[in-house]
């Protein structure tokens, strides 16, 4: 090898990976999308029924507060259930390692064999990993539990609530500015722009194709608002 090749090998490799963003990115995108779609849909339905500006605004504020709290509670409960399951599995694994270490070594060795290592090499790898951190090795390779994917209920709850509130704010603000007669068009137009922006940002943060994400976000958001507005117009009763 020449000196240039040696220097290239010695240089640290810093590849950008997106999997470590999955936990908070999923909760954030879900919360913001739900905040925009659910709040705007509810407000367009009320606006299409012929309600007053005050009623539309009050509906939006109530949807923002209720939705943010609902997202926080839902994320906390669901992620806590996942966390409970992880802790139960880790407890079982800890007990198995204490009572049947050889059987656990065989189990870990066989996992590496299935991934392509020879039996001898797999046995050596399993032995060395278990000598360093037996529970961590089994949690990662047998149970699929890692630090990046570990359930974090409080983080998920806060991210969902905050992102929902951020997403729900634009339709609430626009309803406070425009008259009732223009509220429907203004809310729908602004929220479609916000959904397109959300699709783009989410795709960029997750390393995906922006166009597909934008179209997907716009499609479902527009469908939800159209259906709710149609129901509001059909009943046509001002609240």
Protein backbone atom coordinates (compact mmCIF):
# COMPACT_ATOMS: atom_id res chain seq x y z
CA UNK A 1 0.00 0.00 0.00
CA UNK A 2 1.21 3.52 -0.69
CA UNK A 3 1.27 6.34 1.87
CA UNK A 4 -1.96 7.87 0.56
CA UNK A 5 -3.82 4.56 1.01
CA UNK A 6 -2.41 4.13 4.51
CA UNK A 7 -3.57 7.63 5.46
CA UNK A 8 -7.06 6.90 4.11
CA UNK A 9 -7.24 3.72 6.19
CA UNK A 10 -6.03 5.47 9.33
CA UNK A 11 -8.59 8.27 9.04
CA UNK A 12 -11.68 7.68 11.20
CA UNK A 13 -14.86 6.84 9.33
CA UNK A 14 -17.85 8.87 10.44
CA UNK A 15 -20.88 7.58 8.54
CA UNK A 16 -24.18 9.27 9.28
CA UNK A 17 -26.85 6.79 10.34
CA UNK A 18 -30.49 7.58 11.01
CA UNK A 19 -31.61 4.60 13.10
CA UNK A 20 -30.66 6.34 16.35
CA UNK A 21 -33.27 8.97 15.54
CA UNK A 22 -36.13 6.52 15.19
CA UNK A 23 -37.45 6.86 18.74
CA UNK A 24 -37.88 10.61 18.95
CA UNK A 25 -38.41 11.14 15.21
CA UNK A 26 -41.39 8.78 15.08
CA UNK A 27 -43.03 10.41 18.09
CA UNK A 28 -42.31 13.92 16.83
CA UNK A 29 -43.57 13.38 13.27
CA UNK A 30 -46.63 11.49 14.51
CA UNK A 31 -47.45 14.22 17.02
CA UNK A 32 -47.00 17.10 14.58
CA UNK A 33 -48.94 15.37 11.82
CA UNK A 34 -51.78 14.50 14.20
CA UNK A 35 -51.76 18.06 15.54
CA UNK A 36 -52.17 19.54 12.09
CA UNK A 37 -54.62 17.01 10.69
CA UNK A 38 -56.92 16.42 13.65
CA UNK A 39 -57.12 20.06 14.72
CA UNK A 40 -57.53 21.40 11.19
CA UNK A 41 -60.06 18.71 10.30
CA UNK A 42 -62.17 19.46 13.36
CA UNK A 43 -62.01 23.19 12.69
CA UNK A 44 -62.88 22.81 9.00
CA UNK A 45 -65.85 20.68 9.94
CA UNK A 46 -67.09 23.35 12.35
CA UNK A 47 -66.35 26.11 9.84
CA UNK A 48 -68.23 24.27 7.08
CA UNK A 49 -71.28 24.03 9.32
CA UNK A 50 -71.57 27.83 9.36
CA UNK A 51 -70.30 28.41 12.89
CA UNK A 52 -69.07 31.78 14.10
CA UNK A 53 -65.43 32.83 14.31
CA UNK A 54 -65.51 32.54 18.07
CA UNK A 55 -66.81 28.99 17.92
CA UNK A 56 -64.19 27.98 15.36
CA UNK A 57 -61.40 29.47 17.47
CA UNK A 58 -62.70 27.87 20.67
CA UNK A 59 -62.90 24.52 18.88
CA UNK A 60 -59.29 24.84 17.78
CA UNK A 61 -58.02 25.75 21.24
CA UNK A 62 -59.91 22.86 22.82
CA UNK A 63 -58.59 20.47 20.17
CA UNK A 64 -55.02 21.67 20.76
CA UNK A 65 -55.11 21.17 24.53
CA UNK A 66 -57.06 17.91 24.47
CA UNK A 67 -54.99 16.47 21.64
CA UNK A 68 -51.65 17.31 23.23
CA UNK A 69 -52.67 15.70 26.52
CA UNK A 70 -54.13 12.70 24.73
CA UNK A 71 -50.94 12.18 22.73
CA UNK A 72 -48.81 12.47 25.86
CA UNK A 73 -50.97 10.00 27.78
CA UNK A 74 -51.18 7.56 24.88
CA UNK A 75 -47.44 7.58 24.21
CA UNK A 76 -46.60 7.24 27.89
CA UNK A 77 -48.96 4.31 28.43
CA UNK A 78 -47.98 2.45 25.26
CA UNK A 79 -44.24 2.99 25.61
CA UNK A 80 -44.42 2.12 29.32
CA UNK A 81 -46.02 -1.19 28.35
CA UNK A 82 -43.12 -1.81 25.98
CA UNK A 83 -40.67 -0.89 28.74
CA UNK A 84 -42.37 -3.29 31.16
CA UNK A 85 -42.04 -6.09 28.62
CA UNK A 86 -38.36 -5.33 28.08
CA UNK A 87 -37.68 -5.35 31.82
CA UNK A 88 -39.51 -8.68 32.22
CA UNK A 89 -37.49 -10.26 29.43
CA UNK A 90 -34.24 -8.93 30.87
CA UNK A 91 -35.14 -10.34 34.28
CA UNK A 92 -35.72 -13.78 32.72
CA UNK A 93 -32.45 -13.55 30.86
CA UNK A 94 -30.56 -12.49 33.99
CA UNK A 95 -31.96 -15.49 35.87
CA UNK A 96 -31.08 -17.86 33.02
CA UNK A 97 -27.52 -16.55 32.93
CA UNK A 98 -27.18 -17.15 36.66
CA UNK A 99 -28.62 -20.66 36.63
CA UNK A 100 -27.76 -22.00 33.14
CA UNK A 101 -24.72 -20.13 31.83
CA UNK A 102 -23.58 -22.93 29.50
CA UNK A 103 -27.01 -23.24 27.90
CA UNK A 104 -27.05 -19.49 27.38
CA UNK A 105 -23.59 -19.66 25.81
CA UNK A 106 -24.83 -22.32 23.38
CA UNK A 107 -27.84 -20.18 22.56
CA UNK A 108 -25.69 -17.15 21.82
CA UNK A 109 -23.22 -19.24 19.82
CA UNK A 110 -26.00 -20.66 17.67
CA UNK A 111 -27.27 -17.15 16.94
CA UNK A 112 -23.88 -16.19 15.53
CA UNK A 113 -23.69 -19.43 13.55
CA UNK A 114 -27.02 -18.57 11.93
CA UNK A 115 -25.55 -15.20 10.99
CA UNK A 116 -22.69 -16.83 9.11
CA UNK A 117 -19.87 -17.51 11.55
CA UNK A 118 -18.28 -20.93 11.89
CA UNK A 119 -19.16 -22.86 15.04
CA UNK A 120 -15.66 -22.41 16.51
CA UNK A 121 -15.50 -18.69 15.85
CA UNK A 122 -19.08 -18.20 17.02
CA UNK A 123 -18.25 -19.99 20.25
CA UNK A 124 -15.23 -17.78 20.83
CA UNK A 125 -17.21 -14.61 20.13
CA UNK A 126 -20.00 -15.70 22.45
CA UNK A 127 -17.51 -16.59 25.18
CA UNK A 128 -15.71 -13.26 24.99
CA UNK A 129 -18.89 -11.20 24.86
CA UNK A 130 -20.39 -13.05 27.81
CA UNK A 131 -17.18 -12.56 29.77
CA UNK A 132 -17.46 -8.82 29.23
CA UNK A 133 -21.22 -8.23 29.43
CA UNK A 134 -23.33 -11.37 29.28
CA UNK A 135 -26.68 -9.69 29.81
CA UNK A 136 -25.91 -6.96 27.30
CA UNK A 137 -24.90 -9.50 24.66
CA UNK A 138 -28.06 -11.56 25.09
CA UNK A 139 -30.26 -8.47 25.29
CA UNK A 140 -28.86 -7.17 22.03
CA UNK A 141 -28.48 -10.35 19.98
CA UNK A 142 -31.17 -12.62 21.41
CA UNK A 143 -33.91 -10.18 22.47
CA UNK A 144 -33.18 -7.32 20.07
CA UNK A 145 -32.98 -4.76 22.89
CA UNK A 146 -30.33 -2.07 22.48
CA UNK A 147 -29.66 1.35 23.95
CA UNK A 148 -30.88 3.03 20.77
CA UNK A 149 -34.20 1.16 20.74
CA UNK A 150 -34.87 1.09 24.47
CA UNK A 151 -38.33 2.33 25.38
CA UNK A 152 -38.34 5.79 27.00
CA UNK A 153 -41.90 6.64 28.07
CA UNK A 154 -41.28 10.17 29.37
CA UNK A 155 -39.26 11.19 26.33
CA UNK A 156 -41.92 9.83 23.97
CA UNK A 157 -44.74 11.52 25.90
CA UNK A 158 -43.08 14.93 25.96
CA UNK A 159 -42.06 14.75 22.31
CA UNK A 160 -45.57 13.78 21.20
CA UNK A 161 -47.31 16.43 23.30
CA UNK A 162 -44.96 19.21 22.23
CA UNK A 163 -45.04 18.27 18.56
CA UNK A 164 -48.85 17.99 18.60
CA UNK A 165 -49.11 21.48 20.07
CA UNK A 166 -46.74 22.84 17.45
CA UNK A 167 -48.71 21.20 14.67
CA UNK A 168 -52.07 22.39 16.02
CA UNK A 169 -50.97 26.00 16.47
CA UNK A 170 -51.13 27.21 12.80
CA UNK A 171 -54.85 26.47 12.24
CA UNK A 172 -55.71 27.98 15.63
CA UNK A 173 -53.76 31.16 14.86
CA UNK A 174 -55.25 31.59 11.41
CA UNK A 175 -58.78 31.19 12.78
CA UNK A 176 -58.08 34.03 15.20
CA UNK A 177 -57.13 36.33 12.32
CA UNK A 178 -59.46 35.62 9.41
CA UNK A 179 -63.26 36.09 9.45
CA UNK A 180 -65.57 33.09 9.65
CA UNK A 181 -66.44 33.28 5.95
CA UNK A 182 -62.81 32.81 4.94
CA UNK A 183 -61.78 30.46 7.75
CA UNK A 184 -62.37 27.23 5.85
CA UNK A 185 -60.16 28.12 2.88
CA UNK A 186 -57.50 29.75 5.06
CA UNK A 187 -57.24 26.81 7.45
CA UNK A 188 -57.07 24.21 4.69
CA UNK A 189 -54.54 26.18 2.65
CA UNK A 190 -52.21 26.88 5.56
CA UNK A 191 -52.38 23.33 6.87
CA UNK A 192 -51.58 21.83 3.47
CA UNK A 193 -48.45 24.00 3.41
CA UNK A 194 -47.57 22.86 6.94
CA UNK A 195 -48.12 19.21 6.01
CA UNK A 196 -45.85 19.54 2.98
CA UNK A 197 -43.19 21.15 5.16
CA UNK A 198 -43.57 18.41 7.78
CA UNK A 199 -43.22 15.71 5.14
CA UNK A 200 -40.06 17.33 3.81
CA UNK A 201 -38.44 17.85 7.23
CA UNK A 202 -39.35 14.35 8.40
CA UNK A 203 -37.88 12.82 5.27
CA UNK A 204 -34.66 14.81 5.56
CA UNK A 205 -34.18 13.90 9.21
CA UNK A 206 -34.88 10.24 8.47
CA UNK A 207 -32.79 9.99 5.31
CA UNK A 208 -35.82 9.23 3.10
CA UNK A 209 -37.00 10.67 -0.21
CA UNK A 210 -38.74 14.01 0.42
CA UNK A 211 -41.20 13.82 -2.48
CA UNK A 212 -42.71 10.52 -1.40
CA UNK A 213 -43.00 11.70 2.19
CA UNK A 214 -44.59 15.01 1.14
CA UNK A 215 -47.16 13.34 -1.12
CA UNK A 216 -48.04 10.77 1.53
CA UNK A 217 -48.52 13.44 4.19
CA UNK A 218 -50.55 15.69 1.91
CA UNK A 219 -52.79 12.88 0.70
CA UNK A 220 -53.94 11.69 4.11
CA UNK A 221 -54.16 15.18 5.56
CA UNK A 222 -56.24 16.49 2.68
CA UNK A 223 -58.51 13.43 2.80
CA UNK A 224 -59.14 13.88 6.52
CA UNK A 225 -59.96 17.58 6.17
CA UNK A 226 -62.16 17.01 3.13
CA UNK A 227 -64.22 14.31 4.82
CA UNK A 228 -64.68 16.31 8.01
CA UNK A 229 -65.60 19.45 6.10
CA UNK A 230 -68.09 17.41 4.10
CA UNK A 231 -69.75 16.13 7.27
CA UNK A 232 -69.91 19.64 8.70
CA UNK A 233 -71.45 21.01 5.50
CA UNK A 234 -73.89 18.12 5.26
CA UNK A 235 -75.34 18.70 8.72
CA UNK A 236 -74.96 22.47 8.36
CA UNK A 237 -75.80 23.23 11.97
CA UNK A 238 -74.03 26.13 13.62
CA UNK A 239 -72.97 25.29 17.13
